[in-house]
Structures are given as C-alpha cells and as structure tokens.
Amino acid sequence: MNVMELIDQVQDTATIKRVFGEPVVHGDVVVIPVARVAGGGGGGSGKQEGDKPSEGTGAGFGLGVVPAGVFVIKDSQVRWQPVIDVNRVILGGQIVAVAALLAVRAIARLRAKTAGKR
C-alpha cells in the first residue's frame, strides 16, 4: 500500500458519519448520537546512498471515537444530553483526594517543625 492509498482510506474513514450517528426516531422524539473523533497519521520514506544502499517506506493511521452525548429533538425543541464518563469522574476525584492529602501532610510537617523550635 502506498501513501496515496492510505490517504484515500483516511478520507473514507474520517467522515461526518463518525461524529453524528444515524437519527433514532421513537414516536415524536428524534435522538441523534454524537461522538468525539480524533485521528492521527504518520509517514515515512528513506533511501540511503553509499556503502549500504537500502530502501524503506512506512505509513500509519489511528482513529479514536468516544461517545459525547445525544441531541434530543422533541416538539421543535432541541436539547443536548451529554454523556457522563464515570471513570473520568472517579479518576478526577482520586486526584483531588491525593492532592488534598499531600497538602495536609505538608501543613502537618510544617506545624510540627515550627512547634519543635519553640
């Protein structure tokens, strides 16, 4: 596969359909799923002149998709309903708790140090 074929495949993969899913209709309610899409690519090439001639090529592409939420359309009103990533919330809470514990420890050490000098 050459680089141009890879670029063509990336264009086919990274479409608006990856961000907005097919609308789901239930009665008078329409739900449109939405996702965050991130992609990255790479490349390469190479040819060495001299004692050890060699050739090389390379390519690469990555695509990540994460649910973001849904648009809910009902009675001509549009409402955004975000997805709550519970794992991210828990991780954030853990980071805050560790930072708080480290701050309390530092304050306790400082107080103990100043109390010992009196």
Protein backbone atom coordinates (compact mmCIF):
# COMPACT_ATOMS: atom_id res chain seq x y z
CA MET A 1 0.00 0.00 0.00
CA ASN A 2 1.41 3.38 -0.90
CA VAL A 3 0.86 6.66 0.90
CA MET A 4 -1.78 7.90 -1.54
CA GLU A 5 -3.88 4.77 -0.98
CA LEU A 6 -3.59 5.34 2.77
CA ILE A 7 -4.73 8.95 2.40
CA ASP A 8 -7.73 7.81 0.36
CA GLN A 9 -8.68 5.32 3.09
CA VAL A 10 -8.33 8.01 5.77
CA GLN A 11 -10.68 10.27 3.84
CA ASP A 12 -13.21 7.45 3.64
CA THR A 13 -12.87 6.69 7.36
CA ALA A 14 -12.90 10.22 8.80
CA THR A 15 -16.37 11.29 7.71
CA ILE A 16 -19.12 13.24 9.43
CA LYS A 17 -20.94 9.93 9.96
CA ARG A 18 -18.29 9.08 12.58
CA VAL A 19 -19.33 12.15 14.59
CA PHE A 20 -23.09 12.14 14.12
CA GLY A 21 -24.80 8.75 14.13
CA GLU A 22 -28.00 7.83 12.37
CA PRO A 23 -31.02 9.56 13.95
CA VAL A 24 -33.28 7.32 16.03
CA VAL A 25 -36.99 8.13 15.85
CA HIS A 26 -39.35 6.98 18.61
CA GLY A 27 -42.79 8.49 18.36
CA ASP A 28 -42.38 12.27 18.22
CA VAL A 29 -38.84 12.18 19.65
CA VAL A 30 -35.69 12.16 17.49
CA VAL A 31 -32.35 11.26 19.08
CA ILE A 32 -29.08 11.99 17.26
CA PRO A 33 -25.98 10.38 18.81
CA VAL A 34 -22.76 12.42 18.80
CA ALA A 35 -19.17 11.26 19.28
CA ARG A 36 -15.74 12.85 19.62
CA VAL A 37 -13.44 11.67 16.87
CA ALA A 38 -9.67 12.08 16.92
CA GLY A 39 -7.24 10.80 14.35
CA GLY A 40 -3.57 10.86 13.66
CA GLY A 41 -1.29 9.71 10.96
CA GLY A 42 2.29 9.07 10.17
CA GLY A 43 4.54 8.59 7.25
CA GLY A 44 7.98 7.63 6.25
CA SER A 45 10.38 7.12 3.45
CA GLY A 46 14.03 6.53 3.02
CA LYS A 47 16.82 5.60 0.71
CA GLN A 48 20.41 5.50 1.75
CA GLU A 49 23.12 6.21 -0.75
CA GLY A 50 26.60 4.93 -0.14
CA ASP A 51 28.11 1.70 1.15
CA LYS A 52 24.82 0.06 2.19
CA PRO A 53 22.03 1.15 -0.09
CA SER A 54 18.58 0.36 1.26
CA GLU A 55 15.04 1.42 0.71
CA GLY A 56 12.22 1.94 3.14
CA THR A 57 8.68 3.07 3.33
CA GLY A 58 6.16 3.49 6.09
CA ALA A 59 2.71 4.65 6.94
CA GLY A 60 0.31 4.65 9.83
CA PHE A 61 -3.03 5.94 10.99
CA GLY A 62 -5.03 5.80 14.19
CA LEU A 63 -8.62 6.75 14.89
CA GLY A 64 -10.30 7.07 18.28
CA VAL A 65 -14.02 7.53 18.84
CA VAL A 66 -15.62 8.34 22.21
CA PRO A 67 -19.34 8.97 22.83
CA ALA A 68 -20.04 12.63 23.63
CA GLY A 69 -23.81 12.71 24.06
CA VAL A 70 -27.05 12.99 22.13
CA PHE A 71 -29.23 15.70 20.68
CA VAL A 72 -32.85 15.13 21.66
CA ILE A 73 -35.43 16.79 19.42
CA LYS A 74 -39.00 16.91 20.73
CA ASP A 75 -41.79 19.35 19.91
CA SER A 76 -39.42 21.51 17.80
CA GLN A 77 -37.12 21.92 20.83
CA VAL A 78 -33.51 20.71 20.72
CA ARG A 79 -31.80 19.63 23.95
CA TRP A 80 -28.19 18.49 24.41
CA GLN A 81 -27.74 15.50 26.74
CA PRO A 82 -24.01 14.91 27.43
CA VAL A 83 -22.56 11.51 28.26
CA ILE A 84 -21.10 11.35 31.75
CA ASP A 85 -17.85 9.38 31.81
CA VAL A 86 -17.98 7.86 35.29
CA ASN A 87 -14.40 6.61 35.03
CA ARG A 88 -13.14 10.13 34.38
CA VAL A 89 -15.18 11.49 37.31
CA ILE A 90 -13.76 8.84 39.65
CA LEU A 91 -10.21 9.49 38.45
CA GLY A 92 -10.66 13.23 38.95
CA GLY A 93 -11.92 12.63 42.49
CA GLN A 94 -8.94 10.43 43.26
CA ILE A 95 -6.51 13.07 42.01
CA VAL A 96 -8.17 15.75 44.15
CA ALA A 97 -8.10 13.44 47.20
CA VAL A 98 -4.38 12.67 46.76
CA ALA A 99 -3.56 16.37 46.31
CA ALA A 100 -5.54 17.22 49.46
CA LEU A 101 -3.78 14.51 51.48
CA LEU A 102 -0.37 15.72 50.31
CA ALA A 103 -1.27 19.31 51.25
CA VAL A 104 -2.48 18.22 54.72
CA ARG A 105 0.72 16.23 55.25
CA ALA A 106 2.88 19.19 54.23
CA ILE A 107 0.98 21.51 56.58
CA ALA A 108 1.26 18.99 59.44
CA ARG A 109 5.02 18.65 58.91
CA LEU A 110 5.45 22.41 58.81
CA ARG A 111 3.47 22.86 62.04
CA ALA A 112 5.42 20.08 63.76
CA LYS A 113 8.68 21.67 62.67
CA THR A 114 7.71 25.15 63.93
CA ALA A 115 6.30 23.72 67.21
CA GLY A 116 9.60 21.93 67.89
CA LYS A 117 11.55 25.20 67.62
CA ARG A 118 9.53 26.90 70.38
